Amino acid sequence: MDPATLEALNRASSLELFHLSRVIERLMSDPSRIVQIRLHLHLGQRVRFVDGKAPGAALQLRSGTVVAMKDTQVTVQDDATRATWTLPYAAIELPADSRAAPQVSTAKPAHRPTREDFRVGDRVSFEDRHLQTRIGTIVRINQKTASVDCENELGWRVSFGLLRHVVDL
């Protein structure tokens, strides 16, 4: 952290620090910020994240793999210890290429899945309206949607364009 900023924080009153911490919490949990980070993440991706529990004042960056993404938190498996960390999205360092200004692409858009791409029994994943990744099995192909059964949940009717095939390794 910048020494001038650290000195200014040391001079602040406890009430000012508390107010600042609440503002920072609100900014870090802002849904639009979370969505911007999630756009650059996917399951299995290697990332660097902040170890907030490291001893000393300096925060340590660790490397790991994204294993789960929830509404406000991401779960990362640490490469060194194989331990899992549940962190706010703000603790993830975005790859350098994703922080750059978005570039206009002239490539053709990716194929949008249609009814013909899926069969009953296929394992699929999709994101629900709360941006949680769901994994399930197609139990019925409807005209515009697929009926998907997820573990321990009621069935979902999902548009084909939102479905992705899951490959078990």
Protein backbone atom coordinates (compact mmCIF):
# COMPACT_ATOMS: atom_id res chain seq x y z
CA MET A 1 0.00 0.00 0.00
CA ASP A 2 1.14 3.55 -0.70
CA PRO A 3 2.96 4.96 2.38
CA ALA A 4 1.11 8.31 2.15
CA THR A 5 -2.26 6.52 2.15
CA LEU A 6 -1.22 4.35 5.07
CA GLU A 7 -0.12 7.42 7.04
CA ALA A 8 -3.44 9.18 6.32
CA LEU A 9 -5.34 6.11 7.54
CA ASN A 10 -3.24 6.02 10.72
CA ARG A 11 -4.27 9.63 11.44
CA ALA A 12 -7.99 8.90 10.89
CA SER A 13 -10.30 8.44 13.87
CA SER A 14 -11.87 5.07 14.61
CA LEU A 15 -15.25 6.40 13.51
CA GLU A 16 -13.79 7.57 10.18
CA LEU A 17 -12.13 4.19 9.67
CA PHE A 18 -15.41 2.41 10.43
CA HIS A 19 -17.26 4.62 7.95
CA LEU A 20 -14.59 3.96 5.32
CA SER A 21 -14.78 0.19 5.90
CA ARG A 22 -18.57 0.25 5.37
CA VAL A 23 -18.16 2.20 2.12
CA ILE A 24 -15.51 -0.25 0.92
CA GLU A 25 -17.70 -3.26 1.84
CA ARG A 26 -20.60 -1.75 -0.10
CA LEU A 27 -18.42 -1.13 -3.15
CA MET A 28 -16.93 -4.65 -3.07
CA SER A 29 -20.36 -6.28 -2.85
CA ASP A 30 -21.86 -4.15 -5.64
CA PRO A 31 -23.56 -6.60 -8.06
CA SER A 32 -22.30 -4.75 -11.14
CA ARG A 33 -18.68 -5.12 -9.94
CA ILE A 34 -19.25 -8.82 -9.22
CA VAL A 35 -20.72 -9.38 -12.69
CA GLN A 36 -17.74 -7.62 -14.30
CA ILE A 37 -15.35 -9.96 -12.48
CA ARG A 38 -17.46 -13.06 -13.20
CA LEU A 39 -17.40 -12.29 -16.92
CA HIS A 40 -13.67 -13.06 -16.87
CA LEU A 41 -13.86 -16.22 -14.72
CA HIS A 42 -14.84 -19.80 -15.41
CA LEU A 43 -14.64 -23.10 -13.54
CA GLY A 44 -11.18 -24.65 -13.77
CA GLN A 45 -9.49 -21.32 -14.49
CA ARG A 46 -6.14 -20.63 -12.83
CA VAL A 47 -6.14 -17.33 -10.91
CA ARG A 48 -4.19 -15.42 -8.31
CA PHE A 49 -5.97 -14.39 -5.14
CA VAL A 50 -5.25 -12.41 -1.99
CA ASP A 51 -4.40 -14.36 1.15
CA GLY A 52 -6.02 -12.11 3.77
CA LYS A 53 -4.88 -14.42 6.59
CA ALA A 54 -1.16 -14.14 5.88
CA PRO A 55 0.88 -12.95 8.87
CA GLY A 56 2.16 -9.39 8.73
CA ALA A 57 0.77 -6.25 7.17
CA ALA A 58 1.52 -7.20 3.55
CA LEU A 59 -1.14 -9.18 1.74
CA GLN A 60 0.19 -12.19 -0.12
CA LEU A 61 -0.98 -13.28 -3.58
CA ARG A 62 -1.44 -17.04 -3.97
CA SER A 63 -2.21 -19.15 -7.04
CA GLY A 64 -5.14 -21.49 -7.37
CA THR A 65 -7.94 -22.91 -9.49
CA VAL A 66 -11.58 -21.76 -9.52
CA VAL A 67 -13.72 -24.70 -8.30
CA ALA A 68 -17.08 -22.98 -7.60
CA MET A 69 -18.77 -19.64 -8.24
CA LYS A 70 -21.66 -18.45 -6.11
CA ASP A 71 -23.62 -15.18 -5.89
CA THR A 72 -21.10 -13.14 -3.96
CA GLN A 73 -18.20 -15.54 -3.43
CA VAL A 74 -15.84 -17.71 -5.41
CA THR A 75 -14.20 -20.92 -4.16
CA VAL A 76 -10.56 -21.41 -5.16
CA GLN A 77 -8.35 -24.43 -4.52
CA ASP A 78 -4.85 -23.32 -3.50
CA ASP A 79 -2.15 -24.84 -5.75
CA ALA A 80 0.42 -25.17 -2.97
CA THR A 81 -1.68 -26.61 -0.12
CA ARG A 82 -4.72 -28.01 -2.05
CA ALA A 83 -6.88 -26.22 0.57
CA THR A 84 -10.05 -24.49 -0.63
CA TRP A 85 -10.68 -20.81 0.01
CA THR A 86 -14.10 -19.15 -0.18
CA LEU A 87 -13.43 -15.53 -1.08
CA PRO A 88 -15.28 -12.43 -2.23
CA TYR A 89 -14.84 -11.81 -5.96
CA ALA A 90 -12.84 -8.67 -5.12
CA ALA A 91 -10.01 -10.90 -3.79
CA ILE A 92 -9.36 -12.32 -7.28
CA GLU A 93 -6.71 -10.76 -9.51
CA LEU A 94 -8.07 -10.62 -13.04
CA PRO A 95 -5.72 -11.78 -15.81
CA ALA A 96 -3.82 -8.89 -17.42
CA ASP A 97 -5.57 -9.34 -20.77
CA SER A 98 -9.03 -8.97 -19.18
CA ARG A 99 -8.14 -5.67 -17.49
CA ALA A 100 -7.33 -4.02 -20.82
CA ALA A 101 -9.97 -2.06 -22.67
CA PRO A 102 -12.36 -4.36 -24.55
CA GLN A 103 -11.48 -4.69 -28.21
CA VAL A 104 -13.98 -4.88 -31.02
CA SER A 105 -13.89 -8.30 -32.60
CA THR A 106 -14.50 -8.92 -36.28
CA ALA A 107 -14.79 -12.68 -35.80
CA LYS A 108 -18.09 -14.45 -36.28
CA PRO A 109 -20.12 -14.83 -33.07
CA ALA A 110 -19.92 -18.21 -31.32
CA HIS A 111 -22.50 -20.83 -32.20
CA ARG A 112 -25.62 -20.37 -30.06
CA PRO A 113 -26.89 -23.80 -28.96
CA THR A 114 -30.24 -24.91 -30.36
CA ARG A 115 -32.69 -27.74 -29.72
CA GLU A 116 -30.78 -30.02 -32.09
CA ASP A 117 -27.61 -29.78 -29.98
CA PHE A 118 -29.14 -31.61 -26.98
CA ARG A 119 -30.64 -35.02 -26.21
CA VAL A 120 -32.46 -36.50 -23.20
CA GLY A 121 -29.85 -37.74 -20.71
CA ASP A 122 -27.21 -35.13 -21.60
CA ARG A 123 -25.32 -33.60 -18.62
CA VAL A 124 -25.55 -29.82 -18.89
CA SER A 125 -24.80 -26.68 -16.91
CA PHE A 126 -26.37 -23.22 -16.89
CA GLU A 127 -26.41 -20.11 -14.74
CA ASP A 128 -29.63 -19.25 -12.91
CA ARG A 129 -30.93 -15.70 -12.43
CA HIS A 130 -28.71 -15.34 -9.34
CA LEU A 131 -25.60 -16.20 -11.40
CA GLN A 132 -25.19 -19.56 -9.66
CA THR A 133 -23.94 -22.35 -11.88
CA ARG A 134 -26.33 -25.32 -11.91
CA ILE A 135 -25.46 -28.77 -13.21
CA GLY A 136 -28.07 -31.34 -14.11
CA THR A 137 -29.43 -33.87 -16.59
CA ILE A 138 -31.89 -33.17 -19.39
CA VAL A 139 -35.06 -35.18 -18.73
CA ARG A 140 -37.23 -33.73 -21.50
CA ILE A 141 -36.78 -31.73 -24.69
CA ASN A 142 -39.55 -29.16 -25.10
CA GLN A 143 -40.20 -26.87 -28.08
CA LYS A 144 -38.17 -23.89 -26.81
CA THR A 145 -36.66 -25.18 -23.54
CA ALA A 146 -35.14 -28.27 -21.97
CA SER A 147 -36.39 -29.66 -18.66
CA VAL A 148 -33.34 -30.16 -16.47
CA ASP A 149 -33.19 -32.02 -13.14
CA CYS A 150 -30.46 -30.79 -10.81
CA GLU A 151 -29.37 -32.58 -7.61
CA ASN A 152 -31.62 -31.94 -4.58
CA GLU A 153 -33.72 -29.39 -6.48
CA LEU A 154 -36.95 -29.11 -8.36
CA GLY A 155 -36.75 -29.24 -12.15
CA TRP A 156 -35.71 -26.28 -14.25
CA ARG A 157 -36.94 -25.25 -17.71
CA VAL A 158 -34.00 -23.67 -19.47
CA SER A 159 -33.67 -22.08 -22.90
CA PHE A 160 -31.29 -24.01 -25.16
CA GLY A 161 -29.15 -20.89 -25.66
CA LEU A 162 -28.27 -20.87 -21.95
CA LEU A 163 -27.22 -24.54 -21.74
CA ARG A 164 -23.64 -25.83 -21.99
CA HIS A 165 -22.61 -29.48 -22.25
CA VAL A 166 -20.72 -30.86 -19.23
CA VAL A 167 -17.89 -33.27 -19.92
CA ASP A 168 -17.04 -35.64 -17.06
CA LEU A 169 -13.33 -36.44 -16.90
